[in-house]
Amino acid sequence: LGQILRNVYSHLEPILNLKLVPFGTSESYHATSWPDRYGFICKNGIDECTNNIFQACSLQNLTNEDAVKLITCISSVIDVSEHMTDIFWRFCGRVTDVDITLPLTCEETRWSGEGSLLAMQALTPKGLTSTPYFLLNKVHSSEIQHAALRSPLSFTKLICNASTATNKPKICSVFKE
């Protein structure tokens, strides 16, 4: 997904309402033995959770454009099995020319208490069953999901053909509706 978005987001941005959901299908919990501690259980372990927190901090502290640039870079280079998430963040900050100071500060301090749980709940839509999860004009289907993930070309065609904008981006002119 990161490669697909990195390749076409800048072209489709005028007609694409992109909402990134860092935690996806992760679960949250309240550690009852520690009154002010909340945590997350991620399918791929602690590094995925740490990366989700950094992405959520990016969405809260950067412009949407900068957050999308940074997160799509991270999604295209990160391997959650490697314990080097901070190196990936710094690499993508440099590659995209996005200042990651605020997301790093947020990631280090804010995400230990109830605020982390509330932020996760605010960022995660109800009914999310898989990640990535695509809605096109508020509709989700396996066909949309498959087309969105197949390639940058199929993703672009899907968005361009679904758009009702009168002034579509130039990239849309290659597709017949």
Protein backbone atom coordinates (compact mmCIF):
# COMPACT_ATOMS: atom_id res chain seq x y z
CA LEU A 1 0.00 0.00 0.00
CA GLY A 2 2.81 2.42 0.82
CA GLN A 3 4.29 2.09 -2.66
CA ILE A 4 0.91 2.56 -4.32
CA LEU A 5 0.14 5.72 -2.36
CA ARG A 6 3.64 7.12 -2.75
CA ASN A 7 3.36 6.75 -6.52
CA VAL A 8 -0.05 8.32 -7.06
CA TYR A 9 -1.24 10.31 -4.02
CA SER A 10 0.20 13.63 -5.16
CA HIS A 11 -1.64 13.26 -8.49
CA LEU A 12 -4.95 12.26 -6.93
CA GLU A 13 -4.93 14.48 -3.85
CA PRO A 14 -7.46 17.00 -5.26
CA ILE A 15 -10.12 14.29 -5.67
CA LEU A 16 -9.10 11.84 -2.95
CA ASN A 17 -10.27 12.11 0.65
CA LEU A 18 -7.68 9.89 2.30
CA LYS A 19 -8.05 8.97 5.96
CA LEU A 20 -5.20 6.92 7.36
CA VAL A 21 -5.98 4.74 10.38
CA PRO A 22 -2.75 3.76 12.12
CA PHE A 23 -4.11 1.22 14.58
CA GLY A 24 -6.35 -0.66 12.16
CA THR A 25 -7.53 -3.79 13.91
CA SER A 26 -5.25 -3.49 16.96
CA GLU A 27 -6.83 -4.00 20.35
CA SER A 28 -6.54 -1.67 23.32
CA TYR A 29 -6.58 -2.54 26.99
CA HIS A 30 -6.43 -0.87 30.39
CA ALA A 31 -3.89 -2.39 32.78
CA THR A 32 -5.96 -2.57 35.97
CA SER A 33 -2.92 -3.19 38.16
CA TRP A 34 -1.52 0.19 37.00
CA PRO A 35 -4.33 2.75 37.20
CA ASP A 36 -3.14 5.14 34.48
CA ARG A 37 -1.62 2.68 32.00
CA TYR A 38 -3.20 1.72 28.72
CA GLY A 39 -1.75 -0.43 26.02
CA PHE A 40 -2.25 -1.98 22.62
CA ILE A 41 -2.02 -5.46 21.22
CA CYS A 42 -0.92 -5.50 17.59
CA LYS A 43 -0.95 -8.53 15.30
CA ASN A 44 2.76 -8.13 14.45
CA GLY A 45 4.02 -7.28 17.93
CA ILE A 46 5.48 -4.34 19.78
CA ASP A 47 7.26 -2.78 16.78
CA GLU A 48 3.97 -2.54 14.90
CA CYS A 49 2.34 -0.88 17.93
CA THR A 50 5.24 1.56 18.27
CA ASN A 51 4.99 2.39 14.57
CA ASN A 52 1.21 2.87 14.90
CA ILE A 53 1.78 5.32 17.76
CA PHE A 54 4.29 7.29 15.67
CA GLN A 55 1.83 7.40 12.77
CA ALA A 56 -0.98 8.58 15.05
CA CYS A 57 1.31 11.27 16.45
CA SER A 58 2.16 12.32 12.90
CA LEU A 59 -1.54 12.63 12.02
CA GLN A 60 -2.14 14.74 15.14
CA ASN A 61 0.90 17.02 14.85
CA LEU A 62 1.58 17.52 11.13
CA THR A 63 -0.41 18.84 8.21
CA ASN A 64 -2.35 16.10 6.43
CA GLU A 65 -0.03 16.45 3.42
CA ASP A 66 3.12 15.97 5.51
CA ALA A 67 1.58 13.12 7.53
CA VAL A 68 0.56 11.29 4.34
CA LYS A 69 4.04 11.76 2.82
CA LEU A 70 5.71 10.47 5.97
CA ILE A 71 3.35 7.54 6.58
CA THR A 72 3.36 6.34 2.98
CA CYS A 73 7.16 6.42 3.05
CA ILE A 74 7.20 4.46 6.30
CA SER A 75 4.67 1.96 4.94
CA SER A 76 6.81 1.34 1.88
CA VAL A 77 10.14 0.82 3.66
CA ILE A 78 9.36 -0.60 7.08
CA ASP A 79 9.63 -4.25 7.93
CA VAL A 80 7.82 -4.76 11.23
CA SER A 81 10.01 -7.77 11.97
CA GLU A 82 13.04 -5.47 12.27
CA HIS A 83 13.58 -3.64 15.55
CA MET A 84 14.62 -0.37 13.90
CA THR A 85 11.42 1.66 13.72
CA ASP A 86 13.09 4.91 14.81
CA ILE A 87 15.68 4.55 12.02
CA PHE A 88 12.86 4.16 9.48
CA TRP A 89 11.11 7.26 10.86
CA ARG A 90 14.26 9.36 10.66
CA PHE A 91 15.02 8.04 7.16
CA CYS A 92 11.53 8.91 5.93
CA GLY A 93 11.68 12.32 7.61
CA ARG A 94 14.80 13.08 5.59
CA VAL A 95 13.55 11.54 2.32
CA THR A 96 10.24 13.43 2.46
CA ASP A 97 11.75 16.59 3.99
CA VAL A 98 9.23 16.42 6.85
CA ASP A 99 10.28 17.57 10.34
CA ILE A 100 9.51 14.65 12.66
CA THR A 101 10.34 16.45 15.94
CA LEU A 102 6.71 16.78 17.10
CA PRO A 103 5.70 13.20 16.23
CA LEU A 104 8.78 11.86 18.01
CA THR A 105 8.07 13.94 21.12
CA CYS A 106 4.44 12.84 21.12
CA GLU A 107 5.42 9.19 20.66
CA GLU A 108 7.82 9.32 23.58
CA THR A 109 5.54 11.06 26.09
CA ARG A 110 1.84 11.18 25.34
CA TRP A 111 0.96 7.61 24.59
CA SER A 112 1.15 5.98 28.02
CA GLY A 113 -2.09 7.15 29.64
CA GLU A 114 -5.77 7.40 28.88
CA GLY A 115 -5.03 9.90 26.11
CA SER A 116 -3.57 7.09 24.02
CA LEU A 117 -6.73 5.03 24.28
CA LEU A 118 -8.95 8.00 23.43
CA ALA A 119 -6.76 8.97 20.47
CA MET A 120 -6.82 5.41 19.13
CA GLN A 121 -10.60 5.27 19.45
CA ALA A 122 -10.95 8.62 17.67
CA LEU A 123 -8.74 7.51 14.78
CA THR A 124 -10.31 4.06 14.27
CA PRO A 125 -13.70 3.79 12.56
CA LYS A 126 -16.25 1.30 13.89
CA GLY A 127 -16.56 -1.97 12.00
CA LEU A 128 -13.02 -2.08 10.64
CA THR A 129 -12.33 -5.73 9.87
CA SER A 130 -9.00 -5.71 8.02
CA THR A 131 -6.18 -3.44 7.04
CA PRO A 132 -5.85 -1.72 4.75
CA TYR A 133 -9.59 -1.16 4.45
CA PHE A 134 -10.92 0.88 1.54
CA LEU A 135 -14.17 2.75 1.28
CA LEU A 136 -14.99 4.28 -2.07
CA ASN A 137 -17.84 6.78 -1.90
CA LYS A 138 -18.69 5.26 1.51
CA VAL A 139 -18.93 1.73 0.06
CA HIS A 140 -16.67 -1.22 0.85
CA SER A 141 -16.53 -4.34 -1.31
CA SER A 142 -14.04 -7.06 -2.16
CA GLU A 143 -13.83 -5.66 -5.71
CA ILE A 144 -12.88 -2.20 -4.43
CA GLN A 145 -10.42 -3.73 -1.98
CA HIS A 146 -8.78 -5.84 -4.67
CA ALA A 147 -8.53 -3.01 -7.22
CA ALA A 148 -7.11 -0.63 -4.63
CA LEU A 149 -4.33 -3.04 -3.67
CA ARG A 150 -3.50 -4.54 -7.08
CA SER A 151 -1.21 -1.81 -8.44
CA PRO A 152 -0.74 1.96 -8.69
CA LEU A 153 -2.46 1.81 -12.09
CA SER A 154 -5.58 -0.01 -10.84
CA PHE A 155 -5.74 2.24 -7.75
CA THR A 156 -5.55 5.37 -9.91
CA LYS A 157 -8.17 4.06 -12.35
CA LEU A 158 -10.48 3.17 -9.47
CA ILE A 159 -10.26 6.67 -7.97
CA CYS A 160 -10.46 8.53 -11.30
CA ASN A 161 -13.48 6.58 -12.55
CA ALA A 162 -15.33 6.99 -9.26
CA SER A 163 -14.71 10.72 -9.04
CA THR A 164 -17.52 13.09 -9.94
CA ALA A 165 -15.22 16.13 -9.90
CA THR A 166 -15.52 18.39 -12.94
CA ASN A 167 -11.81 19.20 -12.96
CA LYS A 168 -10.13 15.84 -12.54
CA PRO A 169 -6.34 15.65 -12.32
CA LYS A 170 -4.45 15.19 -15.61
CA ILE A 171 -3.54 11.63 -14.68
CA CYS A 172 -7.25 10.70 -14.96
CA SER A 173 -7.37 11.60 -18.65
CA VAL A 174 -5.68 8.30 -19.58
CA PHE A 175 -8.71 6.28 -18.41
CA LYS A 176 -11.94 5.97 -20.31
CA GLU A 177 -14.97 6.06 -18.07
